[in-house]
Amino acid sequence: MMKLGEAANRMSRLGVLAPDGVDWALAVANRNFIIPQYDQINRDLTWVTLSVDLPAWRESLAPTSERARALFDADNE
């Protein structure tokens, strides 16, 4: 979830629009909450997020991830 939040932050900064069902700001806010309070997070709630919410995000993000990867590769050539 921390990596997803960081990736969402980067995608937002690049101007990549979030697909339907995905909220960059929510992912970034979640990351910002987790990092300083890592030892205090609710593990059950975190598991629900990982097992229920993130699979849907993954499906929605697949085309966006492919476009972002192509842009990244083009910039690094």
C-alpha atoms as a PDB file:
ATOM      1  CA  MET A   1       0.000   0.000   0.000  1.00  0.00           C
ATOM      2  CA  MET A   2       2.944   2.279   0.610  1.00  0.00           C
ATOM      3  CA  LYS A   3       4.305   1.560  -2.857  1.00  0.00           C
ATOM      4  CA  LEU A   4       0.893   2.084  -4.420  1.00  0.00           C
ATOM      5  CA  GLY A   5       0.606   5.456  -2.700  1.00  0.00           C
ATOM      6  CA  GLU A   6       4.016   6.511  -3.935  1.00  0.00           C
ATOM      7  CA  ALA A   7       3.185   5.371  -7.466  1.00  0.00           C
ATOM      8  CA  ALA A   8      -0.129   7.234  -7.341  1.00  0.00           C
ATOM      9  CA  ASN A   9       1.695  10.368  -6.261  1.00  0.00           C
ATOM     10  CA  ARG A  10       4.091  10.072  -9.202  1.00  0.00           C
ATOM     11  CA  MET A  11       1.322   9.340 -11.698  1.00  0.00           C
ATOM     12  CA  SER A  12      -0.625  12.350 -10.477  1.00  0.00           C
ATOM     13  CA  ARG A  13       2.443  14.586 -10.810  1.00  0.00           C
ATOM     14  CA  LEU A  14       2.894  13.369 -14.396  1.00  0.00           C
ATOM     15  CA  GLY A  15      -0.673  14.397 -15.159  1.00  0.00           C
ATOM     16  CA  VAL A  16      -1.874  10.831 -15.686  1.00  0.00           C
ATOM     17  CA  LEU A  17      -5.592  10.755 -15.049  1.00  0.00           C
ATOM     18  CA  ALA A  18      -6.801   8.044 -12.714  1.00  0.00           C
ATOM     19  CA  PRO A  19      -9.140   5.540 -14.366  1.00  0.00           C
ATOM     20  CA  ASP A  20     -12.684   4.995 -13.150  1.00  0.00           C
ATOM     21  CA  GLY A  21     -12.778   3.508  -9.676  1.00  0.00           C
ATOM     22  CA  VAL A  22      -9.291   4.732  -8.740  1.00  0.00           C
ATOM     23  CA  ASP A  23      -8.506   7.826  -6.690  1.00  0.00           C
ATOM     24  CA  TRP A  24      -4.862   8.955  -6.685  1.00  0.00           C
ATOM     25  CA  ALA A  25      -5.472  11.265  -3.727  1.00  0.00           C
ATOM     26  CA  LEU A  26      -6.915   8.431  -1.641  1.00  0.00           C
ATOM     27  CA  ALA A  27      -3.907   6.210  -2.344  1.00  0.00           C
ATOM     28  CA  VAL A  28      -1.507   9.046  -1.449  1.00  0.00           C
ATOM     29  CA  ALA A  29      -3.436   9.864   1.736  1.00  0.00           C
ATOM     30  CA  ASN A  30      -3.402   6.183   2.728  1.00  0.00           C
ATOM     31  CA  ARG A  31       0.371   6.038   2.193  1.00  0.00           C
ATOM     32  CA  ASN A  32       0.892   9.220   4.194  1.00  0.00           C
ATOM     33  CA  PHE A  33      -1.156   7.770   7.044  1.00  0.00           C
ATOM     34  CA  ILE A  34       0.556   4.375   7.072  1.00  0.00           C
ATOM     35  CA  ILE A  35       4.198   5.411   6.979  1.00  0.00           C
ATOM     36  CA  PRO A  36       4.508   7.305  10.270  1.00  0.00           C
ATOM     37  CA  GLN A  37       2.052   4.989  12.047  1.00  0.00           C
ATOM     38  CA  TYR A  38       3.146   1.675  10.573  1.00  0.00           C
ATOM     39  CA  ASP A  39       3.238  -0.074  13.947  1.00  0.00           C
ATOM     40  CA  GLN A  40      -0.247   1.169  14.848  1.00  0.00           C
ATOM     41  CA  ILE A  41      -2.292   0.351  11.750  1.00  0.00           C
ATOM     42  CA  ASN A  42      -5.287  -1.939  11.923  1.00  0.00           C
ATOM     43  CA  ARG A  43      -4.031  -5.133  10.272  1.00  0.00           C
ATOM     44  CA  ASP A  44      -7.541  -6.521   9.668  1.00  0.00           C
ATOM     45  CA  LEU A  45      -8.653  -3.355   7.886  1.00  0.00           C
ATOM     46  CA  THR A  46      -5.421  -3.322   5.898  1.00  0.00           C
ATOM     47  CA  TRP A  47      -6.036  -6.911   4.799  1.00  0.00           C
ATOM     48  CA  VAL A  48      -9.558  -6.047   3.633  1.00  0.00           C
ATOM     49  CA  THR A  49      -8.153  -3.184   1.578  1.00  0.00           C
ATOM     50  CA  LEU A  50      -5.474  -5.397   0.060  1.00  0.00           C
ATOM     51  CA  SER A  51      -7.737  -8.329  -0.678  1.00  0.00           C
ATOM     52  CA  VAL A  52     -10.929  -6.532  -1.749  1.00  0.00           C
ATOM     53  CA  ASP A  53     -10.146  -3.047  -3.008  1.00  0.00           C
ATOM     54  CA  LEU A  54      -6.764  -3.461  -4.647  1.00  0.00           C
ATOM     55  CA  PRO A  55      -7.656  -6.244  -7.099  1.00  0.00           C
ATOM     56  CA  ALA A  56     -10.273  -3.945  -8.637  1.00  0.00           C
ATOM     57  CA  TRP A  57      -7.716  -1.122  -8.769  1.00  0.00           C
ATOM     58  CA  ARG A  58      -5.220  -3.425 -10.458  1.00  0.00           C
ATOM     59  CA  GLU A  59      -7.672  -4.234 -13.207  1.00  0.00           C
ATOM     60  CA  SER A  60      -8.594  -0.579 -13.691  1.00  0.00           C
ATOM     61  CA  LEU A  61      -4.955   0.500 -13.651  1.00  0.00           C
ATOM     62  CA  ALA A  62      -3.598  -2.046 -16.141  1.00  0.00           C
ATOM     63  CA  PRO A  63      -4.019   0.153 -19.250  1.00  0.00           C
ATOM     64  CA  THR A  64      -2.764   3.225 -17.379  1.00  0.00           C
ATOM     65  CA  SER A  65       0.287   1.337 -16.147  1.00  0.00           C
ATOM     66  CA  GLU A  66       1.091   0.213 -19.665  1.00  0.00           C
ATOM     67  CA  ARG A  67       0.859   3.788 -20.991  1.00  0.00           C
ATOM     68  CA  ALA A  68       2.999   5.112 -18.129  1.00  0.00           C
ATOM     69  CA  ARG A  69       5.611   2.417 -18.717  1.00  0.00           C
ATOM     70  CA  ALA A  70       5.742   3.328 -22.411  1.00  0.00           C
ATOM     71  CA  LEU A  71       6.234   7.014 -21.548  1.00  0.00           C
ATOM     72  CA  PHE A  72       8.945   6.144 -19.059  1.00  0.00           C
ATOM     73  CA  ASP A  73      10.739   3.916 -21.541  1.00  0.00           C
ATOM     74  CA  ALA A  74      10.543   6.619 -24.222  1.00  0.00           C
ATOM     75  CA  ASP A  75      12.041   9.194 -21.832  1.00  0.00           C
ATOM     76  CA  ASN A  76      14.909   6.861 -20.982  1.00  0.00           C
ATOM     77  CA  GLU A  77      15.926   6.034 -24.549  1.00  0.00           C
END
